[in-house]
Amino acid sequence: FRGNRSIKAYADGFNAFDSPNMPPL
C-alpha cells in the first residue's frame, strides 16, 4: 500500500492493514 494511505484495520488478523481510498500499489 502507499504508506500515507494506509490504516491498521484489523487488530489481530493477518490482513491487518488496508488502504480504503486507494487501490494497492
mmCIF file of all heavy atoms, coordinates in Angstrom:
data_MODEL
# 
_entry.id   MODEL 
# 
loop_
_atom_site.group_PDB 
_atom_site.id 
_atom_site.type_symbol 
_atom_site.label_atom_id 
_atom_site.label_alt_id 
_atom_site.label_comp_id 
_atom_site.label_asym_id 
_atom_site.label_entity_id 
_atom_site.label_seq_id 
_atom_site.pdbx_PDB_ins_code 
_atom_site.Cartn_x 
_atom_site.Cartn_y 
_atom_site.Cartn_z 
_atom_site.occupancy 
_atom_site.B_iso_or_equiv 
_atom_site.pdbx_formal_charge 
_atom_site.auth_seq_id 
_atom_site.auth_comp_id 
_atom_site.auth_asym_id 
_atom_site.auth_atom_id 
_atom_site.pdbx_PDB_model_num 
ATOM 1   N N   . PHE A 1 1  ? 0.830   -1.190  0.000  1.00 0.00 ? 1  PHE A N   1 
ATOM 2   C CA  . PHE A 1 1  ? 0.000   0.000   0.000  1.00 0.00 ? 1  PHE A CA  1 
ATOM 3   C C   . PHE A 1 1  ? 0.873   1.251   0.000  1.00 0.00 ? 1  PHE A C   1 
ATOM 4   O O   . PHE A 1 1  ? 2.017   1.222   0.456  1.00 0.00 ? 1  PHE A O   1 
ATOM 5   C CB  . PHE A 1 1  ? -0.876  0.048   1.265  1.00 0.00 ? 1  PHE A CB  1 
ATOM 6   C CG  . PHE A 1 1  ? -1.794  -1.126  1.436  1.00 0.00 ? 1  PHE A CG  1 
ATOM 7   C CD1 . PHE A 1 1  ? -1.617  -2.012  2.487  1.00 0.00 ? 1  PHE A CD1 1 
ATOM 8   C CD2 . PHE A 1 1  ? -2.857  -1.328  0.566  1.00 0.00 ? 1  PHE A CD2 1 
ATOM 9   C CE1 . PHE A 1 1  ? -2.462  -3.085  2.667  1.00 0.00 ? 1  PHE A CE1 1 
ATOM 10  C CE2 . PHE A 1 1  ? -3.712  -2.410  0.737  1.00 0.00 ? 1  PHE A CE2 1 
ATOM 11  C CZ  . PHE A 1 1  ? -3.525  -3.291  1.785  1.00 0.00 ? 1  PHE A CZ  1 
ATOM 12  N N   . ARG A 1 2  ? 0.324   2.354   -0.497 1.00 0.00 ? 2  ARG A N   1 
ATOM 13  C CA  . ARG A 1 2  ? 1.009   3.634   -0.311 1.00 0.00 ? 2  ARG A CA  1 
ATOM 14  C C   . ARG A 1 2  ? 1.042   3.927   1.178  1.00 0.00 ? 2  ARG A C   1 
ATOM 15  O O   . ARG A 1 2  ? 0.014   3.838   1.863  1.00 0.00 ? 2  ARG A O   1 
ATOM 16  C CB  . ARG A 1 2  ? 0.290   4.740   -1.071 1.00 0.00 ? 2  ARG A CB  1 
ATOM 17  C CG  . ARG A 1 2  ? 0.871   6.146   -0.851 1.00 0.00 ? 2  ARG A CG  1 
ATOM 18  C CD  . ARG A 1 2  ? 0.371   7.123   -1.895 1.00 0.00 ? 2  ARG A CD  1 
ATOM 19  N NE  . ARG A 1 2  ? 0.968   6.821   -3.195 1.00 0.00 ? 2  ARG A NE  1 
ATOM 20  C CZ  . ARG A 1 2  ? 0.492   7.247   -4.352 1.00 0.00 ? 2  ARG A CZ  1 
ATOM 21  N NH1 . ARG A 1 2  ? -0.610  7.990   -4.382 1.00 0.00 ? 2  ARG A NH1 1 
ATOM 22  N NH2 . ARG A 1 2  ? 1.102   6.931   -5.480 1.00 0.00 ? 2  ARG A NH2 1 
ATOM 23  N N   . GLY A 1 3  ? 2.194   4.310   1.693  1.00 0.00 ? 3  GLY A N   1 
ATOM 24  C CA  . GLY A 1 3  ? 2.356   4.470   3.129  1.00 0.00 ? 3  GLY A CA  1 
ATOM 25  C C   . GLY A 1 3  ? 1.391   5.457   3.747  1.00 0.00 ? 3  GLY A C   1 
ATOM 26  O O   . GLY A 1 3  ? 0.818   5.210   4.813  1.00 0.00 ? 3  GLY A O   1 
ATOM 27  N N   . ASN A 1 4  ? 1.179   6.596   3.066  1.00 0.00 ? 4  ASN A N   1 
ATOM 28  C CA  . ASN A 1 4  ? 0.307   7.622   3.652  1.00 0.00 ? 4  ASN A CA  1 
ATOM 29  C C   . ASN A 1 4  ? -1.166  7.425   3.316  1.00 0.00 ? 4  ASN A C   1 
ATOM 30  O O   . ASN A 1 4  ? -1.993  8.300   3.573  1.00 0.00 ? 4  ASN A O   1 
ATOM 31  C CB  . ASN A 1 4  ? 0.772   9.029   3.239  1.00 0.00 ? 4  ASN A CB  1 
ATOM 32  C CG  . ASN A 1 4  ? 0.824   9.207   1.736  1.00 0.00 ? 4  ASN A CG  1 
ATOM 33  O OD1 . ASN A 1 4  ? -0.004  8.700   0.993  1.00 0.00 ? 4  ASN A OD1 1 
ATOM 34  N ND2 . ASN A 1 4  ? 1.824   9.950   1.273  1.00 0.00 ? 4  ASN A ND2 1 
ATOM 35  N N   . ARG A 1 5  ? -1.492  6.260   2.762  1.00 0.00 ? 5  ARG A N   1 
ATOM 36  C CA  . ARG A 1 5  ? -2.891  5.902   2.516  1.00 0.00 ? 5  ARG A CA  1 
ATOM 37  C C   . ARG A 1 5  ? -3.322  4.722   3.376  1.00 0.00 ? 5  ARG A C   1 
ATOM 38  O O   . ARG A 1 5  ? -4.443  4.215   3.245  1.00 0.00 ? 5  ARG A O   1 
ATOM 39  C CB  . ARG A 1 5  ? -3.077  5.539   1.041  1.00 0.00 ? 5  ARG A CB  1 
ATOM 40  C CG  . ARG A 1 5  ? -3.015  6.718   0.092  1.00 0.00 ? 5  ARG A CG  1 
ATOM 41  C CD  . ARG A 1 5  ? -4.245  7.579   0.264  1.00 0.00 ? 5  ARG A CD  1 
ATOM 42  N NE  . ARG A 1 5  ? -4.420  8.502   -0.843 1.00 0.00 ? 5  ARG A NE  1 
ATOM 43  C CZ  . ARG A 1 5  ? -5.590  9.014   -1.193 1.00 0.00 ? 5  ARG A CZ  1 
ATOM 44  N NH1 . ARG A 1 5  ? -6.674  8.680   -0.543 1.00 0.00 ? 5  ARG A NH1 1 
ATOM 45  N NH2 . ARG A 1 5  ? -5.674  9.866   -2.174 1.00 0.00 ? 5  ARG A NH2 1 
ATOM 46  N N   . SER A 1 6  ? -2.441  4.265   4.251  1.00 0.00 ? 6  SER A N   1 
ATOM 47  C CA  . SER A 1 6  ? -2.662  3.019   4.986  1.00 0.00 ? 6  SER A CA  1 
ATOM 48  C C   . SER A 1 6  ? -3.250  3.274   6.372  1.00 0.00 ? 6  SER A C   1 
ATOM 49  O O   . SER A 1 6  ? -2.972  4.290   7.003  1.00 0.00 ? 6  SER A O   1 
ATOM 50  C CB  . SER A 1 6  ? -1.336  2.270   5.154  1.00 0.00 ? 6  SER A CB  1 
ATOM 51  O OG  . SER A 1 6  ? -0.735  2.054   3.904  1.00 0.00 ? 6  SER A OG  1 
ATOM 52  N N   . ILE A 1 7  ? -4.048  2.313   6.818  1.00 0.00 ? 7  ILE A N   1 
ATOM 53  C CA  . ILE A 1 7  ? -4.557  2.316   8.184  1.00 0.00 ? 7  ILE A CA  1 
ATOM 54  C C   . ILE A 1 7  ? -4.445  0.895   8.737  1.00 0.00 ? 7  ILE A C   1 
ATOM 55  O O   . ILE A 1 7  ? -4.453  -0.074  7.975  1.00 0.00 ? 7  ILE A O   1 
ATOM 56  C CB  . ILE A 1 7  ? -6.026  2.770   8.278  1.00 0.00 ? 7  ILE A CB  1 
ATOM 57  C CG1 . ILE A 1 7  ? -6.954  1.800   7.513  1.00 0.00 ? 7  ILE A CG1 1 
ATOM 58  C CG2 . ILE A 1 7  ? -6.193  4.193   7.764  1.00 0.00 ? 7  ILE A CG2 1 
ATOM 59  C CD1 . ILE A 1 7  ? -8.434  2.024   7.754  1.00 0.00 ? 7  ILE A CD1 1 
ATOM 60  N N   . LYS A 1 8  ? -4.317  0.775   10.051 1.00 0.00 ? 8  LYS A N   1 
ATOM 61  C CA  . LYS A 1 8  ? -4.436  -0.538  10.660 1.00 0.00 ? 8  LYS A CA  1 
ATOM 62  C C   . LYS A 1 8  ? -5.919  -0.792  10.876 1.00 0.00 ? 8  LYS A C   1 
ATOM 63  O O   . LYS A 1 8  ? -6.568  -0.110  11.679 1.00 0.00 ? 8  LYS A O   1 
ATOM 64  C CB  . LYS A 1 8  ? -3.669  -0.643  11.973 1.00 0.00 ? 8  LYS A CB  1 
ATOM 65  C CG  . LYS A 1 8  ? -3.656  -2.090  12.497 1.00 0.00 ? 8  LYS A CG  1 
ATOM 66  C CD  . LYS A 1 8  ? -2.774  -2.300  13.711 1.00 0.00 ? 8  LYS A CD  1 
ATOM 67  C CE  . LYS A 1 8  ? -2.770  -3.789  14.095 1.00 0.00 ? 8  LYS A CE  1 
ATOM 68  N NZ  . LYS A 1 8  ? -1.994  -4.066  15.311 1.00 0.00 ? 8  LYS A NZ  1 
ATOM 69  N N   . ALA A 1 9  ? -6.458  -1.775  10.160 1.00 0.00 ? 9  ALA A N   1 
ATOM 70  C CA  . ALA A 1 9  ? -7.895  -2.000  10.138 1.00 0.00 ? 9  ALA A CA  1 
ATOM 71  C C   . ALA A 1 9  ? -8.337  -3.219  10.923 1.00 0.00 ? 9  ALA A C   1 
ATOM 72  O O   . ALA A 1 9  ? -9.523  -3.388  11.190 1.00 0.00 ? 9  ALA A O   1 
ATOM 73  C CB  . ALA A 1 9  ? -8.363  -2.132  8.681  1.00 0.00 ? 9  ALA A CB  1 
ATOM 74  N N   . TYR A 1 10 ? -7.386  -4.089  11.279 1.00 0.00 ? 10 TYR A N   1 
ATOM 75  C CA  . TYR A 1 10 ? -7.735  -5.363  11.903 1.00 0.00 ? 10 TYR A CA  1 
ATOM 76  C C   . TYR A 1 10 ? -6.719  -5.623  13.010 1.00 0.00 ? 10 TYR A C   1 
ATOM 77  O O   . TYR A 1 10 ? -5.530  -5.738  12.745 1.00 0.00 ? 10 TYR A O   1 
ATOM 78  C CB  . TYR A 1 10 ? -7.698  -6.458  10.838 1.00 0.00 ? 10 TYR A CB  1 
ATOM 79  C CG  . TYR A 1 10 ? -8.400  -7.756  11.172 1.00 0.00 ? 10 TYR A CG  1 
ATOM 80  C CD1 . TYR A 1 10 ? -8.666  -8.683  10.166 1.00 0.00 ? 10 TYR A CD1 1 
ATOM 81  C CD2 . TYR A 1 10 ? -8.766  -8.096  12.466 1.00 0.00 ? 10 TYR A CD2 1 
ATOM 82  C CE1 . TYR A 1 10 ? -9.297  -9.894  10.438 1.00 0.00 ? 10 TYR A CE1 1 
ATOM 83  C CE2 . TYR A 1 10 ? -9.393  -9.294  12.752 1.00 0.00 ? 10 TYR A CE2 1 
ATOM 84  C CZ  . TYR A 1 10 ? -9.649  -10.191 11.741 1.00 0.00 ? 10 TYR A CZ  1 
ATOM 85  O OH  . TYR A 1 10 ? -10.266 -11.383 12.024 1.00 0.00 ? 10 TYR A OH  1 
ATOM 86  N N   . ALA A 1 11 ? -7.195  -5.711  14.251 1.00 0.00 ? 11 ALA A N   1 
ATOM 87  C CA  . ALA A 1 11 ? -6.280  -5.789  15.388 1.00 0.00 ? 11 ALA A CA  1 
ATOM 88  C C   . ALA A 1 11 ? -5.476  -7.075  15.418 1.00 0.00 ? 11 ALA A C   1 
ATOM 89  O O   . ALA A 1 11 ? -4.285  -7.064  15.756 1.00 0.00 ? 11 ALA A O   1 
ATOM 90  C CB  . ALA A 1 11 ? -7.057  -5.634  16.701 1.00 0.00 ? 11 ALA A CB  1 
ATOM 91  N N   . ASP A 1 12 ? -6.102  -8.203  15.086 1.00 0.00 ? 12 ASP A N   1 
ATOM 92  C CA  . ASP A 1 12 ? -5.404  -9.484  15.264 1.00 0.00 ? 12 ASP A CA  1 
ATOM 93  C C   . ASP A 1 12 ? -5.542  -10.425 14.067 1.00 0.00 ? 12 ASP A C   1 
ATOM 94  O O   . ASP A 1 12 ? -5.483  -11.639 14.209 1.00 0.00 ? 12 ASP A O   1 
ATOM 95  C CB  . ASP A 1 12 ? -5.879  -10.183 16.544 1.00 0.00 ? 12 ASP A CB  1 
ATOM 96  C CG  . ASP A 1 12 ? -7.396  -10.367 16.581 1.00 0.00 ? 12 ASP A CG  1 
ATOM 97  O OD1 . ASP A 1 12 ? -8.066  -10.031 15.587 1.00 0.00 ? 12 ASP A OD1 1 
ATOM 98  O OD2 . ASP A 1 12 ? -7.905  -10.854 17.610 1.00 0.00 ? 12 ASP A OD2 1 
ATOM 99  N N   . GLY A 1 13 ? -5.708  -9.869  12.889 1.00 0.00 ? 13 GLY A N   1 
ATOM 100 C CA  . GLY A 1 13 ? -5.758  -10.685 11.676 1.00 0.00 ? 13 GLY A CA  1 
ATOM 101 C C   . GLY A 1 13 ? -4.511  -10.489 10.837 1.00 0.00 ? 13 GLY A C   1 
ATOM 102 O O   . GLY A 1 13 ? -3.808  -9.483  10.966 1.00 0.00 ? 13 GLY A O   1 
ATOM 103 N N   . PHE A 1 14 ? -4.229  -11.459 9.971  1.00 0.00 ? 14 PHE A N   1 
ATOM 104 C CA  . PHE A 1 14 ? -3.077  -11.315 9.077  1.00 0.00 ? 14 PHE A CA  1 
ATOM 105 C C   . PHE A 1 14 ? -3.284  -10.173 8.076  1.00 0.00 ? 14 PHE A C   1 
ATOM 106 O O   . PHE A 1 14 ? -2.327  -9.569  7.607  1.00 0.00 ? 14 PHE A O   1 
ATOM 107 C CB  . PHE A 1 14 ? -2.812  -12.618 8.325  1.00 0.00 ? 14 PHE A CB  1 
ATOM 108 C CG  . PHE A 1 14 ? -2.208  -13.699 9.198  1.00 0.00 ? 14 PHE A CG  1 
ATOM 109 C CD1 . PHE A 1 14 ? -2.495  -15.036 8.960  1.00 0.00 ? 14 PHE A CD1 1 
ATOM 110 C CD2 . PHE A 1 14 ? -1.356  -13.402 10.242 1.00 0.00 ? 14 PHE A CD2 1 
ATOM 111 C CE1 . PHE A 1 14 ? -1.939  -16.036 9.744  1.00 0.00 ? 14 PHE A CE1 1 
ATOM 112 C CE2 . PHE A 1 14 ? -0.798  -14.380 11.042 1.00 0.00 ? 14 PHE A CE2 1 
ATOM 113 C CZ  . PHE A 1 14 ? -1.101  -15.707 10.791 1.00 0.00 ? 14 PHE A CZ  1 
ATOM 114 N N   . ASN A 1 15 ? -4.552  -9.896  7.745  1.00 0.00 ? 15 ASN A N   1 
ATOM 115 C CA  . ASN A 1 15 ? -4.840  -8.770  6.853  1.00 0.00 ? 15 ASN A CA  1 
ATOM 116 C C   . ASN A 1 15 ? -5.047  -7.508  7.694  1.00 0.00 ? 15 ASN A C   1 
ATOM 117 O O   . ASN A 1 15 ? -6.080  -6.845  7.645  1.00 0.00 ? 15 ASN A O   1 
ATOM 118 C CB  . ASN A 1 15 ? -6.078  -9.064  6.000  1.00 0.00 ? 15 ASN A CB  1 
ATOM 119 C CG  . ASN A 1 15 ? -7.295  -9.417  6.837  1.00 0.00 ? 15 ASN A CG  1 
ATOM 120 O OD1 . ASN A 1 15 ? -7.172  -9.900  7.972  1.00 0.00 ? 15 ASN A OD1 1 
ATOM 121 N ND2 . ASN A 1 15 ? -8.479  -9.212  6.284  1.00 0.00 ? 15 ASN A ND2 1 
ATOM 122 N N   . ALA A 1 16 ? -4.020  -7.173  8.454  1.00 0.00 ? 16 ALA A N   1 
ATOM 123 C CA  . ALA A 1 16 ? -4.130  -6.110  9.455  1.00 0.00 ? 16 ALA A CA  1 
ATOM 124 C C   . ALA A 1 16 ? -4.295  -4.725  8.848  1.00 0.00 ? 16 ALA A C   1 
ATOM 125 O O   . ALA A 1 16 ? -4.856  -3.838  9.485  1.00 0.00 ? 16 ALA A O   1 
ATOM 126 C CB  . ALA A 1 16 ? -2.896  -6.130  10.364 1.00 0.00 ? 16 ALA A CB  1 
ATOM 127 N N   . PHE A 1 17 ? -3.819  -4.517  7.618  1.00 0.00 ? 17 PHE A N   1 
ATOM 128 C CA  . PHE A 1 17 ? -3.802  -3.168  7.041  1.00 0.00 ? 17 PHE A CA  1 
ATOM 129 C C   . PHE A 1 17 ? -4.692  -3.063  5.813  1.00 0.00 ? 17 PHE A C   1 
ATOM 130 O O   . PHE A 1 17 ? -4.958  -4.041  5.113  1.00 0.00 ? 17 PHE A O   1 
ATOM 131 C CB  . PHE A 1 17 ? -2.368  -2.754  6.704  1.00 0.00 ? 17 PHE A CB  1 
ATOM 132 C CG  . PHE A 1 17 ? -1.552  -2.501  7.945  1.00 0.00 ? 17 PHE A CG  1 
ATOM 133 C CD1 . PHE A 1 17 ? -0.877  -3.541  8.575  1.00 0.00 ? 17 PHE A CD1 1 
ATOM 134 C CD2 . PHE A 1 17 ? -1.490  -1.239  8.516  1.00 0.00 ? 17 PHE A CD2 1 
ATOM 135 C CE1 . PHE A 1 17 ? -0.155  -3.324  9.734  1.00 0.00 ? 17 PHE A CE1 1 
ATOM 136 C CE2 . PHE A 1 17 ? -0.768  -1.012  9.677  1.00 0.00 ? 17 PHE A CE2 1 
ATOM 137 C CZ  . PHE A 1 17 ? -0.101  -2.048  10.286 1.00 0.00 ? 17 PHE A CZ  1 
ATOM 138 N N   . ASP A 1 18 ? -5.131  -1.841  5.582  1.00 0.00 ? 18 ASP A N   1 
ATOM 139 C CA  . ASP A 1 18 ? -5.990  -1.566  4.436  1.00 0.00 ? 18 ASP A CA  1 
ATOM 140 C C   . ASP A 1 18 ? -5.659  -0.170  3.912  1.00 0.00 ? 18 ASP A C   1 
ATOM 141 O O   . ASP A 1 18 ? -5.002  0.633   4.596  1.00 0.00 ? 18 ASP A O   1 
ATOM 142 C CB  . ASP A 1 18 ? -7.463  -1.641  4.853  1.00 0.00 ? 18 ASP A CB  1 
ATOM 143 C CG  . ASP A 1 18 ? -8.410  -1.727  3.657  1.00 0.00 ? 18 ASP A CG  1 
ATOM 144 O OD1 . ASP A 1 18 ? -7.920  -1.888  2.522  1.00 0.00 ? 18 ASP A OD1 1 
ATOM 145 O OD2 . ASP A 1 18 ? -9.634  -1.631  3.878  1.00 0.00 ? 18 ASP A OD2 1 
ATOM 146 N N   . SER A 1 19 ? -6.108  0.094   2.705  1.00 0.00 ? 19 SER A N   1 
ATOM 147 C CA  . SER A 1 19 ? -5.966  1.405   2.084  1.00 0.00 ? 19 SER A CA  1 
ATOM 148 C C   . SER A 1 19 ? -7.338  1.767   1.520  1.00 0.00 ? 19 SER A C   1 
ATOM 149 O O   . SER A 1 19 ? -7.619  1.530   0.348  1.00 0.00 ? 19 SER A O   1 
ATOM 150 C CB  . SER A 1 19 ? -4.906  1.345   0.981  1.00 0.00 ? 19 SER A CB  1 
ATOM 151 O OG  . SER A 1 19 ? -4.814  2.581   0.298  1.00 0.00 ? 19 SER A OG  1 
ATOM 152 N N   . PRO A 1 20 ? -8.222  2.309   2.355  1.00 0.00 ? 20 PRO A N   1 
ATOM 153 C CA  . PRO A 1 20 ? -9.642  2.420   1.999  1.00 0.00 ? 20 PRO A CA  1 
ATOM 154 C C   . PRO A 1 20 ? -9.936  3.252   0.759  1.00 0.00 ? 20 PRO A C   1 
ATOM 155 O O   . PRO A 1 20 ? -10.899 2.980   0.054  1.00 0.00 ? 20 PRO A O   1 
ATOM 156 C CB  . PRO A 1 20 ? -10.260 3.066   3.241  1.00 0.00 ? 20 PRO A CB  1 
ATOM 157 C CG  . PRO A 1 20 ? -9.301  2.823   4.341  1.00 0.00 ? 20 PRO A CG  1 
ATOM 158 C CD  . PRO A 1 20 ? -7.953  2.803   3.712  1.00 0.00 ? 20 PRO A CD  1 
ATOM 159 N N   . ASN A 1 21 ? -9.135  4.293   0.515  1.00 0.00 ? 21 ASN A N   1 
ATOM 160 C CA  . ASN A 1 21 ? -9.456  5.217   -0.579 1.00 0.00 ? 21 ASN A CA  1 
ATOM 161 C C   . ASN A 1 21 ? -8.481  5.155   -1.752 1.00 0.00 ? 21 ASN A C   1 
ATOM 162 O O   . ASN A 1 21 ? -8.469  6.053   -2.591 1.00 0.00 ? 21 ASN A O   1 
ATOM 163 C CB  . ASN A 1 21 ? -9.530  6.645   -0.032 1.00 0.00 ? 21 ASN A CB  1 
ATOM 164 C CG  . ASN A 1 21 ? -10.761 6.838   0.831  1.00 0.00 ? 21 ASN A CG  1 
ATOM 165 O OD1 . ASN A 1 21 ? -11.868 6.514   0.420  1.00 0.00 ? 21 ASN A OD1 1 
ATOM 166 N ND2 . ASN A 1 21 ? -10.572 7.324   2.041  1.00 0.00 ? 21 ASN A ND2 1 
ATOM 167 N N   . MET A 1 22 ? -7.681  4.076   -1.786 1.00 0.00 ? 22 MET A N   1 
ATOM 168 C CA  . MET A 1 22 ? -6.748  3.919   -2.914 1.00 0.00 ? 22 MET A CA  1 
ATOM 169 C C   . MET A 1 22 ? -6.420  2.451   -3.084 1.00 0.00 ? 22 MET A C   1 
ATOM 170 O O   . MET A 1 22 ? -6.189  1.747   -2.096 1.00 0.00 ? 22 MET A O   1 
ATOM 171 C CB  . MET A 1 22 ? -5.458  4.713   -2.642 1.00 0.00 ? 22 MET A CB  1 
ATOM 172 C CG  . MET A 1 22 ? -4.454  4.625   -3.771 1.00 0.00 ? 22 MET A CG  1 
ATOM 173 S SD  . MET A 1 22 ? -2.919  5.490   -3.394 1.00 0.00 ? 22 MET A SD  1 
ATOM 174 C CE  . MET A 1 22 ? -1.923  4.939   -4.800 1.00 0.00 ? 22 MET A CE  1 
ATOM 175 N N   . PRO A 1 23 ? -6.391  1.956   -4.324 1.00 0.00 ? 23 PRO A N   1 
ATOM 176 C CA  . PRO A 1 23 ? -6.012  0.554   -4.546 1.00 0.00 ? 23 PRO A CA  1 
ATOM 177 C C   . PRO A 1 23 ? -4.566  0.316   -4.115 1.00 0.00 ? 23 PRO A C   1 
ATOM 178 O O   . PRO A 1 23 ? -3.777  1.249   -4.009 1.00 0.00 ? 23 PRO A O   1 
ATOM 179 C CB  . PRO A 1 23 ? -6.159  0.380   -6.069 1.00 0.00 ? 23 PRO A CB  1 
ATOM 180 C CG  . PRO A 1 23 ? -6.948  1.541   -6.544 1.00 0.00 ? 23 PRO A CG  1 
ATOM 181 C CD  . PRO A 1 23 ? -6.691  2.658   -5.581 1.00 0.00 ? 23 PRO A CD  1 
ATOM 182 N N   . PRO A 1 24 ? -4.189  -0.940  -3.869 1.00 0.00 ? 24 PRO A N   1 
ATOM 183 C CA  . PRO A 1 24 ? -2.788  -1.237  -3.542 1.00 0.00 ? 24 PRO A CA  1 
ATOM 184 C C   . PRO A 1 24 ? -1.845  -0.802  -4.661 1.00 0.00 ? 24 PRO A C   1 
ATOM 185 O O   . PRO A 1 24 ? -2.226  -0.765  -5.839 1.00 0.00 ? 24 PRO A O   1 
ATOM 186 C CB  . PRO A 1 24 ? -2.769  -2.756  -3.378 1.00 0.00 ? 24 PRO A CB  1 
ATOM 187 C CG  . PRO A 1 24 ? -4.193  -3.143  -3.143 1.00 0.00 ? 24 PRO A CG  1 
ATOM 188 C CD  . PRO A 1 24 ? -5.027  -2.146  -3.889 1.00 0.00 ? 24 PRO A CD  1 
ATOM 189 N N   . LEU A 1 25 ? -0.624  -0.489  -4.296 1.00 0.00 ? 25 LEU A N   1 
ATOM 190 C CA  . LEU A 1 25 ? 0.407   -0.217  -5.308 1.00 0.00 ? 25 LEU A CA  1 
ATOM 191 C C   . LEU A 1 25 ? 0.735   -1.496  -6.066 1.00 0.00 ? 25 LEU A C   1 
ATOM 192 O O   . LEU A 1 25 ? 1.000   -1.479  -7.274 1.00 0.00 ? 25 LEU A O   1 
ATOM 193 C CB  . LEU A 1 25 ? 1.679   0.319   -4.637 1.00 0.00 ? 25 LEU A CB  1 
ATOM 194 C CG  . LEU A 1 25 ? 1.556   1.628   -3.857 1.00 0.00 ? 25 LEU A CG  1 
ATOM 195 C CD1 . LEU A 1 25 ? 2.860   1.932   -3.138 1.00 0.00 ? 25 LEU A CD1 1 
ATOM 196 C CD2 . LEU A 1 25 ? 1.164   2.771   -4.779 1.00 0.00 ? 25 LEU A CD2 1 
# 
